[in-house]
Amino acid sequence: MDQTASWIATAATIIAACFTASNLGSRITGIGFIIFTIGSIAWFATGVLTGQPALVWTNAVMTLLNLFGVYRWLGRQAKLEEGATKAAEASASAPGDDLFPASSLTASRLLGRSGETLGNTVDAMLSCDGGRLRYLVVAQGGVAGVGETLRRVDWRYAGVSEGAVKTDLSPEQFERLPELQKDNWPGR
């Protein structure tokens, strides 16, 4: 029985780590914490069955922390994202400007002139005076951040249309934009 519990714990922990590390949004991260909870309960059982009090206590605490993660990502954060989405949808049929969640600027695809994906937005820099958006930081290529190239796209060449971040740049023009260092972005 203890071998079964330890293999369930091992599999759940590995799968949950993949879910949470992938940063694919609040729902996937929340599911990762549900799987982590299953893993910590299985590790708790393994500790009880094999007489390992440190494993029992560690995973009793981990179960509580994982349940907090479930609340945080499937409760609070999912509701915040839903609120932003509903506001953006409602603005499309209301008088005035359409709205777009600023948080989306840290995780949107940047579409080029012909609708092709040029990269993924990872951040946006705003002016402290007036809050004017100055530029986007866009990641291109790589896997999980390894080997990616960061480029600055001035906001005057980009915008939000139909719920997507778009630019009039062609792939060739985008490729000619200077590369940014991951830890040293322009101050202006």
N, C-alpha and C. Protein backbone atom coordinates (compact mmCIF):
# COMPACT_ATOMS: atom_id res chain seq x y z
N MET A 1 0.82 -1.20 0.00
CA MET A 1 0.00 0.00 0.00
C MET A 1 0.86 1.26 0.00
N ASP A 2 1.97 1.23 0.80
CA ASP A 2 2.82 2.41 0.86
C ASP A 2 3.50 2.67 -0.49
N GLN A 3 3.80 1.62 -1.25
CA GLN A 3 4.40 1.80 -2.58
C GLN A 3 3.41 2.46 -3.54
N THR A 4 2.16 2.05 -3.48
CA THR A 4 1.13 2.64 -4.33
C THR A 4 0.97 4.12 -4.01
N ALA A 5 0.89 4.45 -2.72
CA ALA A 5 0.74 5.85 -2.31
C ALA A 5 1.94 6.68 -2.75
N SER A 6 3.14 6.11 -2.63
CA SER A 6 4.33 6.90 -3.01
C SER A 6 4.39 7.11 -4.53
N TRP A 7 3.93 6.15 -5.32
CA TRP A 7 3.93 6.35 -6.78
C TRP A 7 2.85 7.35 -7.21
N ILE A 8 1.70 7.32 -6.55
CA ILE A 8 0.66 8.32 -6.81
C ILE A 8 1.19 9.70 -6.46
N ALA A 9 1.86 9.80 -5.31
CA ALA A 9 2.43 11.08 -4.87
C ALA A 9 3.47 11.58 -5.86
N THR A 10 4.33 10.70 -6.31
CA THR A 10 5.38 11.08 -7.26
C THR A 10 4.78 11.59 -8.57
N ALA A 11 3.84 10.82 -9.12
CA ALA A 11 3.22 11.21 -10.39
C ALA A 11 2.46 12.53 -10.25
N ALA A 12 1.69 12.66 -9.18
CA ALA A 12 0.91 13.89 -8.97
C ALA A 12 1.81 15.10 -8.82
N THR A 13 2.91 14.95 -8.09
CA THR A 13 3.83 16.07 -7.88
C THR A 13 4.47 16.50 -9.19
N ILE A 14 4.88 15.56 -10.01
CA ILE A 14 5.51 15.89 -11.30
C ILE A 14 4.50 16.56 -12.24
N ILE A 15 3.31 16.00 -12.34
CA ILE A 15 2.28 16.58 -13.22
C ILE A 15 1.89 17.97 -12.74
N ALA A 16 1.70 18.12 -11.43
CA ALA A 16 1.32 19.43 -10.88
C ALA A 16 2.40 20.47 -11.13
N ALA A 17 3.65 20.09 -10.98
CA ALA A 17 4.75 21.03 -11.22
C ALA A 17 4.75 21.49 -12.68
N CYS A 18 4.45 20.58 -13.60
CA CYS A 18 4.36 20.95 -15.03
C CYS A 18 3.23 21.95 -15.26
N PHE A 19 2.10 21.72 -14.64
CA PHE A 19 0.94 22.61 -14.79
C PHE A 19 1.25 24.01 -14.27
N THR A 20 1.80 24.08 -13.07
CA THR A 20 2.02 25.40 -12.46
C THR A 20 3.21 26.13 -13.09
N ALA A 21 4.24 25.42 -13.47
CA ALA A 21 5.41 26.06 -14.06
C ALA A 21 5.15 26.59 -15.46
N SER A 22 4.17 26.02 -16.16
CA SER A 22 3.90 26.42 -17.54
C SER A 22 3.27 27.80 -17.65
N ASN A 23 2.70 28.32 -16.56
CA ASN A 23 2.12 29.67 -16.54
C ASN A 23 1.14 29.88 -17.70
N LEU A 24 0.15 29.00 -17.80
CA LEU A 24 -0.83 29.06 -18.88
C LEU A 24 -2.15 29.67 -18.43
N GLY A 25 -2.13 30.43 -17.36
CA GLY A 25 -3.33 31.09 -16.90
C GLY A 25 -3.81 30.55 -15.57
N SER A 26 -4.77 31.27 -15.00
CA SER A 26 -5.22 30.94 -13.65
C SER A 26 -5.88 29.57 -13.56
N ARG A 27 -6.64 29.19 -14.54
CA ARG A 27 -7.34 27.91 -14.46
C ARG A 27 -6.37 26.73 -14.49
N ILE A 28 -5.39 26.77 -15.38
CA ILE A 28 -4.41 25.68 -15.46
C ILE A 28 -3.57 25.64 -14.18
N THR A 29 -3.17 26.81 -13.69
CA THR A 29 -2.40 26.86 -12.45
C THR A 29 -3.24 26.32 -11.29
N GLY A 30 -4.52 26.68 -11.24
CA GLY A 30 -5.41 26.17 -10.20
C GLY A 30 -5.56 24.66 -10.26
N ILE A 31 -5.67 24.12 -11.46
CA ILE A 31 -5.74 22.67 -11.62
C ILE A 31 -4.44 22.04 -11.13
N GLY A 32 -3.32 22.70 -11.41
CA GLY A 32 -2.03 22.23 -10.91
C GLY A 32 -2.03 22.13 -9.39
N PHE A 33 -2.63 23.12 -8.71
CA PHE A 33 -2.69 23.07 -7.26
C PHE A 33 -3.64 21.98 -6.76
N ILE A 34 -4.69 21.67 -7.51
CA ILE A 34 -5.55 20.54 -7.14
C ILE A 34 -4.73 19.25 -7.19
N ILE A 35 -3.95 19.10 -8.26
CA ILE A 35 -3.11 17.90 -8.40
C ILE A 35 -2.03 17.88 -7.32
N PHE A 36 -1.44 19.05 -7.01
CA PHE A 36 -0.48 19.12 -5.89
C PHE A 36 -1.13 18.65 -4.59
N THR A 37 -2.40 19.03 -4.37
CA THR A 37 -3.11 18.62 -3.15
C THR A 37 -3.23 17.10 -3.10
N ILE A 38 -3.57 16.48 -4.22
CA ILE A 38 -3.64 15.01 -4.28
C ILE A 38 -2.28 14.42 -3.95
N GLY A 39 -1.23 15.02 -4.51
CA GLY A 39 0.13 14.54 -4.24
C GLY A 39 0.52 14.67 -2.78
N SER A 40 0.20 15.82 -2.17
CA SER A 40 0.58 16.00 -0.77
C SER A 40 -0.20 15.07 0.15
N ILE A 41 -1.45 14.77 -0.20
CA ILE A 41 -2.23 13.80 0.59
C ILE A 41 -1.61 12.41 0.43
N ALA A 42 -1.19 12.07 -0.78
CA ALA A 42 -0.55 10.76 -1.00
C ALA A 42 0.79 10.68 -0.27
N TRP A 43 1.56 11.79 -0.27
CA TRP A 43 2.82 11.79 0.49
C TRP A 43 2.54 11.68 1.99
N PHE A 44 1.49 12.34 2.46
CA PHE A 44 1.07 12.24 3.86
C PHE A 44 0.78 10.78 4.19
N ALA A 45 0.00 10.11 3.33
CA ALA A 45 -0.32 8.70 3.55
C ALA A 45 0.93 7.83 3.55
N THR A 46 1.86 8.14 2.64
CA THR A 46 3.11 7.39 2.60
C THR A 46 3.87 7.55 3.91
N GLY A 47 3.89 8.78 4.42
CA GLY A 47 4.56 9.02 5.70
C GLY A 47 3.93 8.25 6.85
N VAL A 48 2.59 8.22 6.88
CA VAL A 48 1.89 7.47 7.93
C VAL A 48 2.18 5.98 7.79
N LEU A 49 2.09 5.46 6.57
CA LEU A 49 2.28 4.02 6.34
C LEU A 49 3.71 3.55 6.58
N THR A 50 4.67 4.43 6.43
CA THR A 50 6.08 4.04 6.60
C THR A 50 6.69 4.59 7.88
N GLY A 51 5.88 5.24 8.71
CA GLY A 51 6.37 5.74 9.99
C GLY A 51 7.38 6.87 9.87
N GLN A 52 7.12 7.82 8.98
CA GLN A 52 8.02 8.96 8.79
C GLN A 52 7.31 10.25 9.22
N PRO A 53 7.45 10.62 10.49
CA PRO A 53 6.73 11.80 10.97
C PRO A 53 7.09 13.10 10.25
N ALA A 54 8.33 13.27 9.83
CA ALA A 54 8.70 14.50 9.10
C ALA A 54 7.93 14.60 7.79
N LEU A 55 7.77 13.48 7.09
CA LEU A 55 7.01 13.46 5.84
C LEU A 55 5.53 13.75 6.11
N VAL A 56 5.01 13.22 7.22
CA VAL A 56 3.61 13.48 7.59
C VAL A 56 3.40 14.96 7.84
N TRP A 57 4.22 15.56 8.70
CA TRP A 57 4.04 16.98 9.05
C TRP A 57 4.29 17.91 7.86
N THR A 58 5.31 17.61 7.10
CA THR A 58 5.59 18.44 5.92
C THR A 58 4.39 18.45 4.99
N ASN A 59 3.80 17.30 4.75
CA ASN A 59 2.71 17.23 3.79
C ASN A 59 1.36 17.61 4.37
N ALA A 60 1.24 17.63 5.69
CA ALA A 60 0.04 18.22 6.30
C ALA A 60 0.05 19.72 6.00
N VAL A 61 1.20 20.35 6.19
CA VAL A 61 1.32 21.78 5.90
C VAL A 61 1.20 22.03 4.39
N MET A 62 1.84 21.19 3.59
CA MET A 62 1.77 21.36 2.12
C MET A 62 0.33 21.24 1.62
N THR A 63 -0.45 20.36 2.22
CA THR A 63 -1.86 20.23 1.81
C THR A 63 -2.60 21.54 2.06
N LEU A 64 -2.38 22.17 3.21
CA LEU A 64 -3.01 23.47 3.49
C LEU A 64 -2.55 24.54 2.50
N LEU A 65 -1.25 24.58 2.21
CA LEU A 65 -0.73 25.55 1.25
C LEU A 65 -1.28 25.30 -0.15
N ASN A 66 -1.39 24.05 -0.53
CA ASN A 66 -1.95 23.71 -1.84
C ASN A 66 -3.42 24.10 -1.93
N LEU A 67 -4.17 23.90 -0.86
CA LEU A 67 -5.57 24.33 -0.85
C LEU A 67 -5.67 25.85 -0.97
N PHE A 68 -4.74 26.57 -0.35
CA PHE A 68 -4.70 28.02 -0.54
C PHE A 68 -4.42 28.35 -2.01
N GLY A 69 -3.53 27.60 -2.65
CA GLY A 69 -3.25 27.80 -4.07
C GLY A 69 -4.48 27.56 -4.94
N VAL A 70 -5.27 26.55 -4.59
CA VAL A 70 -6.52 26.30 -5.32
C VAL A 70 -7.44 27.51 -5.19
N TYR A 71 -7.61 28.01 -3.97
CA TYR A 71 -8.45 29.20 -3.76
C TYR A 71 -7.89 30.39 -4.54
N ARG A 72 -6.59 30.60 -4.42
CA ARG A 72 -5.95 31.76 -5.04
C ARG A 72 -6.13 31.79 -6.56
N TRP A 73 -5.95 30.64 -7.20
CA TRP A 73 -5.96 30.60 -8.67
C TRP A 73 -7.32 30.26 -9.27
N LEU A 74 -8.09 29.39 -8.64
CA LEU A 74 -9.41 29.05 -9.18
C LEU A 74 -10.51 29.90 -8.58
N GLY A 75 -10.23 30.53 -7.47
CA GLY A 75 -11.21 31.41 -6.83
C GLY A 75 -10.92 32.85 -7.18
N ARG A 76 -10.04 33.46 -6.45
CA ARG A 76 -9.77 34.89 -6.57
C ARG A 76 -9.29 35.30 -7.96
N GLN A 77 -8.19 34.72 -8.43
CA GLN A 77 -7.61 35.17 -9.70
C GLN A 77 -8.54 34.89 -10.88
N ALA A 78 -9.21 33.76 -10.89
CA ALA A 78 -10.15 33.46 -11.98
C ALA A 78 -11.28 34.48 -12.01
N LYS A 79 -11.76 34.90 -10.83
CA LYS A 79 -12.83 35.90 -10.78
C LYS A 79 -12.33 37.26 -11.27
N LEU A 80 -11.09 37.63 -10.92
CA LEU A 80 -10.53 38.89 -11.40
C LEU A 80 -10.41 38.88 -12.93
N GLU A 81 -9.92 37.78 -13.48
CA GLU A 81 -9.80 37.68 -14.93
C GLU A 81 -11.17 37.71 -15.60
N GLU A 82 -12.15 37.05 -14.96
CA GLU A 82 -13.51 37.05 -15.50
C GLU A 82 -14.10 38.46 -15.48
N GLY A 83 -13.83 39.21 -14.40
CA GLY A 83 -14.29 40.60 -14.31
C GLY A 83 -13.71 41.46 -15.41
N ALA A 84 -12.42 41.30 -15.69
CA ALA A 84 -11.77 42.07 -16.75
C ALA A 84 -12.34 41.70 -18.11
N THR A 85 -12.58 40.41 -18.34
CA THR A 85 -13.13 39.96 -19.61
C THR A 85 -14.55 40.50 -19.82
N LYS A 86 -15.36 40.46 -18.77
CA LYS A 86 -16.73 40.97 -18.88
C LYS A 86 -16.75 42.48 -19.13
N ALA A 87 -15.84 43.22 -18.49
CA ALA A 87 -15.77 44.67 -18.71
C ALA A 87 -15.39 44.96 -20.16
N ALA A 88 -14.44 44.21 -20.70
CA ALA A 88 -14.03 44.40 -22.09
C ALA A 88 -15.19 44.08 -23.04
N GLU A 89 -15.90 43.00 -22.78
CA GLU A 89 -17.04 42.62 -23.63
C GLU A 89 -18.15 43.66 -23.55
N ALA A 90 -18.45 44.14 -22.34
CA ALA A 90 -19.51 45.13 -22.17
C ALA A 90 -19.16 46.45 -22.84
N SER A 91 -17.89 46.80 -22.86
CA SER A 91 -17.48 48.07 -23.46
C SER A 91 -17.68 48.08 -24.97
N ALA A 92 -17.69 46.91 -25.58
CA ALA A 92 -17.86 46.84 -27.04
C ALA A 92 -19.24 47.32 -27.47
N SER A 93 -20.24 47.19 -26.59
CA SER A 93 -21.58 47.62 -26.95
C SER A 93 -22.01 48.90 -26.23
N ALA A 94 -21.09 49.50 -25.49
CA ALA A 94 -21.40 50.73 -24.76
C ALA A 94 -20.79 51.93 -25.49
N PRO A 95 -21.34 53.11 -25.29
CA PRO A 95 -20.75 54.28 -25.92
C PRO A 95 -19.35 54.54 -25.35
N GLY A 96 -18.48 55.11 -26.16
CA GLY A 96 -17.11 55.42 -25.72
C GLY A 96 -16.12 54.39 -26.21
N ASP A 97 -14.93 54.47 -25.65
CA ASP A 97 -13.84 53.58 -26.05
C ASP A 97 -14.07 52.15 -25.61
N ASP A 98 -13.63 51.21 -26.43
CA ASP A 98 -13.61 49.81 -26.02
C ASP A 98 -12.48 49.65 -25.00
N LEU A 99 -12.67 48.74 -24.06
CA LEU A 99 -11.67 48.47 -23.03
C LEU A 99 -10.93 47.17 -23.32
N PHE A 100 -9.71 47.09 -22.81
CA PHE A 100 -8.86 45.93 -22.95
C PHE A 100 -8.10 45.77 -21.64
N PRO A 101 -8.10 44.58 -21.02
CA PRO A 101 -7.40 44.41 -19.74
C PRO A 101 -5.89 44.63 -19.89
N ALA A 102 -5.36 45.54 -19.10
CA ALA A 102 -3.92 45.81 -19.15
C ALA A 102 -3.12 44.55 -18.82
N SER A 103 -3.65 43.70 -17.96
CA SER A 103 -2.94 42.47 -17.61
C SER A 103 -2.71 41.58 -18.83
N SER A 104 -3.53 41.74 -19.85
CA SER A 104 -3.36 40.95 -21.07
C SER A 104 -2.10 41.33 -21.83
N LEU A 105 -1.56 42.50 -21.54
CA LEU A 105 -0.34 42.93 -22.22
C LEU A 105 0.89 42.17 -21.74
N THR A 106 0.73 41.35 -20.73
CA THR A 106 1.85 40.53 -20.28
C THR A 106 1.74 39.09 -20.77
N ALA A 107 0.73 38.82 -21.60
CA ALA A 107 0.55 37.43 -22.05
C ALA A 107 -0.30 37.33 -23.30
N SER A 108 -0.06 38.21 -24.27
CA SER A 108 -0.83 38.17 -25.52
C SER A 108 0.10 37.89 -26.69
N ARG A 109 -0.47 37.37 -27.74
CA ARG A 109 0.30 37.25 -28.98
C ARG A 109 0.31 38.61 -29.66
N LEU A 110 1.43 38.97 -30.25
CA LEU A 110 1.51 40.18 -31.06
C LEU A 110 1.32 39.75 -32.51
N LEU A 111 0.25 40.25 -33.13
CA LEU A 111 -0.06 39.90 -34.51
C LEU A 111 0.50 40.96 -35.44
N GLY A 112 1.12 40.52 -36.52
CA GLY A 112 1.70 41.43 -37.51
C GLY A 112 0.69 41.91 -38.53
N ARG A 113 1.19 42.63 -39.48
CA ARG A 113 0.39 43.28 -40.52
C ARG A 113 -0.60 42.33 -41.20
N SER A 114 -0.19 41.11 -41.46
CA SER A 114 -1.07 40.15 -42.15
C SER A 114 -1.72 39.15 -41.20
N GLY A 115 -1.66 39.43 -39.90
CA GLY A 115 -2.29 38.55 -38.93
C GLY A 115 -1.39 37.44 -38.41
N GLU A 116 -0.14 37.40 -38.85
CA GLU A 116 0.78 36.37 -38.39
C GLU A 116 1.29 36.71 -36.98
N THR A 117 1.60 35.68 -36.21
CA THR A 117 2.14 35.89 -34.87
C THR A 117 3.61 36.25 -34.97
N LEU A 118 3.97 37.41 -34.40
CA LEU A 118 5.36 37.85 -34.41
C LEU A 118 6.07 37.45 -33.12
N GLY A 119 5.34 37.32 -32.04
CA GLY A 119 5.90 36.96 -30.74
C GLY A 119 4.82 37.08 -29.68
N ASN A 120 5.23 37.01 -28.44
CA ASN A 120 4.31 37.11 -27.31
C ASN A 120 4.70 38.28 -26.42
N THR A 121 3.73 39.12 -26.09
CA THR A 121 4.01 40.24 -25.21
C THR A 121 4.32 39.70 -23.81
N VAL A 122 5.36 40.24 -23.20
CA VAL A 122 5.73 39.81 -21.85
C VAL A 122 5.59 40.95 -20.85
N ASP A 123 5.53 42.19 -21.35
CA ASP A 123 5.34 43.32 -20.45
C ASP A 123 5.05 44.56 -21.28
N ALA A 124 4.68 45.62 -20.58
CA ALA A 124 4.42 46.91 -21.22
C ALA A 124 4.94 47.99 -20.29
N MET A 125 5.54 49.02 -20.85
CA MET A 125 6.07 50.13 -20.05
C MET A 125 5.19 51.35 -20.25
N LEU A 126 4.76 51.94 -19.13
CA LEU A 126 3.87 53.09 -19.14
C LEU A 126 4.56 54.30 -18.52
N SER A 127 4.16 55.47 -18.95
CA SER A 127 4.66 56.71 -18.39
C SER A 127 4.05 56.94 -17.01
N CYS A 128 4.85 57.39 -16.07
CA CYS A 128 4.32 57.71 -14.74
C CYS A 128 3.43 58.96 -14.79
N ASP A 129 3.74 59.86 -15.70
CA ASP A 129 2.93 61.07 -15.87
C ASP A 129 1.86 60.80 -16.91
N GLY A 130 0.65 60.61 -16.48
CA GLY A 130 -0.46 60.42 -17.39
C GLY A 130 -0.76 58.98 -17.75
N GLY A 131 0.13 58.04 -17.42
CA GLY A 131 -0.14 56.63 -17.68
C GLY A 131 -0.12 56.23 -19.14
N ARG A 132 0.48 57.03 -20.00
CA ARG A 132 0.53 56.72 -21.43
C ARG A 132 1.42 55.50 -21.67
N LEU A 133 0.91 54.59 -22.46
CA LEU A 133 1.66 53.39 -22.81
C LEU A 133 2.77 53.77 -23.77
N ARG A 134 4.02 53.43 -23.44
CA ARG A 134 5.17 53.81 -24.26
C ARG A 134 5.62 52.68 -25.20
N TYR A 135 5.84 51.50 -24.63
CA TYR A 135 6.27 50.40 -25.49
C TYR A 135 5.93 49.05 -24.89
N LEU A 136 5.89 48.06 -25.78
CA LEU A 136 5.69 46.67 -25.40
C LEU A 136 7.03 45.95 -25.44
N VAL A 137 7.20 44.96 -24.59
CA VAL A 137 8.34 44.06 -24.69
C VAL A 137 7.77 42.74 -25.21
N VAL A 138 8.32 42.30 -26.33
CA VAL A 138 7.80 41.12 -27.02
C VAL A 138 8.88 40.05 -27.09
N ALA A 139 8.54 38.84 -26.67
CA ALA A 139 9.45 37.70 -26.74
C ALA A 139 9.19 36.94 -28.03
N GLN A 140 10.29 36.53 -28.64
CA GLN A 140 10.20 35.79 -29.90
C GLN A 140 11.09 34.57 -29.80
N GLY A 141 10.56 33.42 -30.23
CA GLY A 141 11.35 32.19 -30.28
C GLY A 141 11.62 31.62 -28.89
N GLY A 142 12.49 30.65 -28.86
CA GLY A 142 12.86 30.02 -27.61
C GLY A 142 11.81 29.06 -27.09
N VAL A 143 12.15 28.38 -26.02
CA VAL A 143 11.25 27.45 -25.35
C VAL A 143 11.29 27.77 -23.86
N ALA A 144 10.13 28.09 -23.31
CA ALA A 144 10.00 28.39 -21.88
C ALA A 144 10.98 29.48 -21.44
N GLY A 145 11.21 30.45 -22.32
CA GLY A 145 12.09 31.56 -21.99
C GLY A 145 13.55 31.34 -22.32
N VAL A 146 13.93 30.11 -22.62
CA VAL A 146 15.32 29.81 -22.97
C VAL A 146 15.50 30.01 -24.46
N GLY A 147 16.45 30.85 -24.83
CA GLY A 147 16.74 31.10 -26.24
C GLY A 147 15.82 32.10 -26.90
N GLU A 148 14.99 32.78 -26.12
CA GLU A 148 14.09 33.77 -26.71
C GLU A 148 14.83 35.07 -26.95
N THR A 149 14.29 35.86 -27.87
CA THR A 149 14.79 37.19 -28.16
C THR A 149 13.73 38.19 -27.76
N LEU A 150 14.12 39.21 -27.00
CA LEU A 150 13.20 40.26 -26.60
C LEU A 150 13.39 41.47 -27.52
N ARG A 151 12.26 42.04 -27.93
CA ARG A 151 12.29 43.24 -28.76
C ARG A 151 11.32 44.26 -28.21
N ARG A 152 11.67 45.54 -28.43
CA ARG A 152 10.80 46.65 -28.02
C ARG A 152 9.95 47.05 -29.22
N VAL A 153 8.64 47.14 -28.99
CA VAL A 153 7.72 47.63 -30.02
C VAL A 153 7.08 48.90 -29.47
N ASP A 154 7.45 50.04 -30.03
CA ASP A 154 6.86 51.30 -29.59
C ASP A 154 5.35 51.25 -29.79
N TRP A 155 4.62 51.77 -28.82
CA TRP A 155 3.17 51.71 -28.86
C TRP A 155 2.61 52.44 -30.07
N ARG A 156 3.33 53.42 -30.59
CA ARG A 156 2.83 54.13 -31.77
C ARG A 156 2.73 53.20 -32.98
N TYR A 157 3.41 52.05 -32.93
CA TYR A 157 3.35 51.07 -34.01
C TYR A 157 2.44 49.89 -33.67
N ALA A 158 1.78 49.98 -32.52
CA ALA A 158 0.95 48.85 -32.07
C ALA A 158 -0.36 49.37 -31.52
N GLY A 159 -1.26 48.48 -31.23
CA GLY A 159 -2.54 48.84 -30.65
C GLY A 159 -3.35 47.59 -30.38
N VAL A 160 -4.54 47.81 -29.86
CA VAL A 160 -5.44 46.70 -29.58
C VAL A 160 -6.63 46.84 -30.51
N SER A 161 -6.95 45.77 -31.19
CA SER A 161 -8.08 45.76 -32.10
C SER A 161 -8.73 44.39 -32.02
N GLU A 162 -10.04 44.38 -31.86
CA GLU A 162 -10.80 43.14 -31.80
C GLU A 162 -10.25 42.19 -30.73
N GLY A 163 -9.86 42.75 -29.59
CA GLY A 163 -9.37 41.96 -28.47
C GLY A 163 -7.98 41.38 -28.64
N ALA A 164 -7.24 41.83 -29.65
CA ALA A 164 -5.89 41.31 -29.88
C ALA A 164 -4.90 42.46 -29.97
N VAL A 165 -3.66 42.19 -29.60
CA VAL A 165 -2.60 43.17 -29.73
C VAL A 165 -2.03 43.03 -31.14
N LYS A 166 -2.06 44.15 -31.88
CA LYS A 166 -1.66 44.10 -33.29
C LYS A 166 -0.66 45.20 -33.60
N THR A 167 0.09 45.00 -34.66
CA THR A 167 1.03 45.99 -35.15
C THR A 167 0.98 46.02 -36.67
N ASP A 168 1.36 47.16 -37.23
CA ASP A 168 1.45 47.27 -38.69
C ASP A 168 2.79 46.79 -39.21
N LEU A 169 3.66 46.32 -38.33
CA LEU A 169 4.98 45.84 -38.74
C LEU A 169 4.86 44.50 -39.47
N SER A 170 5.69 44.35 -40.47
CA SER A 170 5.81 43.06 -41.15
C SER A 170 6.79 42.20 -40.35
N PRO A 171 6.85 40.90 -40.60
CA PRO A 171 7.83 40.07 -39.90
C PRO A 171 9.27 40.57 -40.12
N GLU A 172 9.56 41.05 -41.33
CA GLU A 172 10.91 41.55 -41.63
C GLU A 172 11.21 42.81 -40.81
N GLN A 173 10.26 43.71 -40.71
CA GLN A 173 10.45 44.93 -39.92
C GLN A 173 10.60 44.58 -38.44
N PHE A 174 9.81 43.64 -37.99
CA PHE A 174 9.90 43.22 -36.59
C PHE A 174 11.28 42.64 -36.30
N GLU A 175 11.79 41.81 -37.19
CA GLU A 175 13.11 41.19 -37.02
C GLU A 175 14.22 42.23 -36.96
N ARG A 176 14.03 43.39 -37.58
CA ARG A 176 15.05 44.44 -37.59
C ARG A 176 15.02 45.30 -36.33
N LEU A 177 14.00 45.16 -35.50
CA LEU A 177 13.96 45.92 -34.25
C LEU A 177 15.12 45.47 -33.37
N PRO A 178 15.74 46.41 -32.64
CA PRO A 178 16.87 46.02 -31.80
C PRO A 178 16.46 45.04 -30.70
N GLU A 179 17.38 44.16 -30.35
CA GLU A 179 17.14 43.21 -29.27
C GLU A 179 17.32 43.92 -27.93
N LEU A 180 16.53 43.47 -26.95
CA LEU A 180 16.66 43.97 -25.58
C LEU A 180 17.36 42.93 -24.73
N GLN A 181 18.13 43.38 -23.78
CA GLN A 181 18.69 42.48 -22.77
C GLN A 181 17.57 42.17 -21.78
N LYS A 182 17.51 40.96 -21.28
CA LYS A 182 16.43 40.58 -20.35
C LYS A 182 16.42 41.45 -19.10
N ASP A 183 17.58 41.93 -18.69
CA ASP A 183 17.65 42.68 -17.44
C ASP A 183 18.02 44.16 -17.63
N ASN A 184 17.88 44.67 -18.84
CA ASN A 184 18.27 46.06 -19.08
C ASN A 184 17.44 46.63 -20.23
N TRP A 185 16.27 47.21 -19.89
CA TRP A 185 15.38 47.77 -20.89
C TRP A 185 15.56 49.28 -20.97
N PRO A 186 15.21 49.88 -22.09
CA PRO A 186 15.37 51.33 -22.23
C PRO A 186 14.49 52.13 -21.25
N GLY A 187 15.05 53.22 -20.76
CA GLY A 187 14.32 54.08 -19.83
C GLY A 187 13.42 55.09 -20.52
N ARG A 188 13.54 55.21 -21.80
CA ARG A 188 12.68 56.13 -22.58
C ARG A 188 12.22 55.46 -23.84
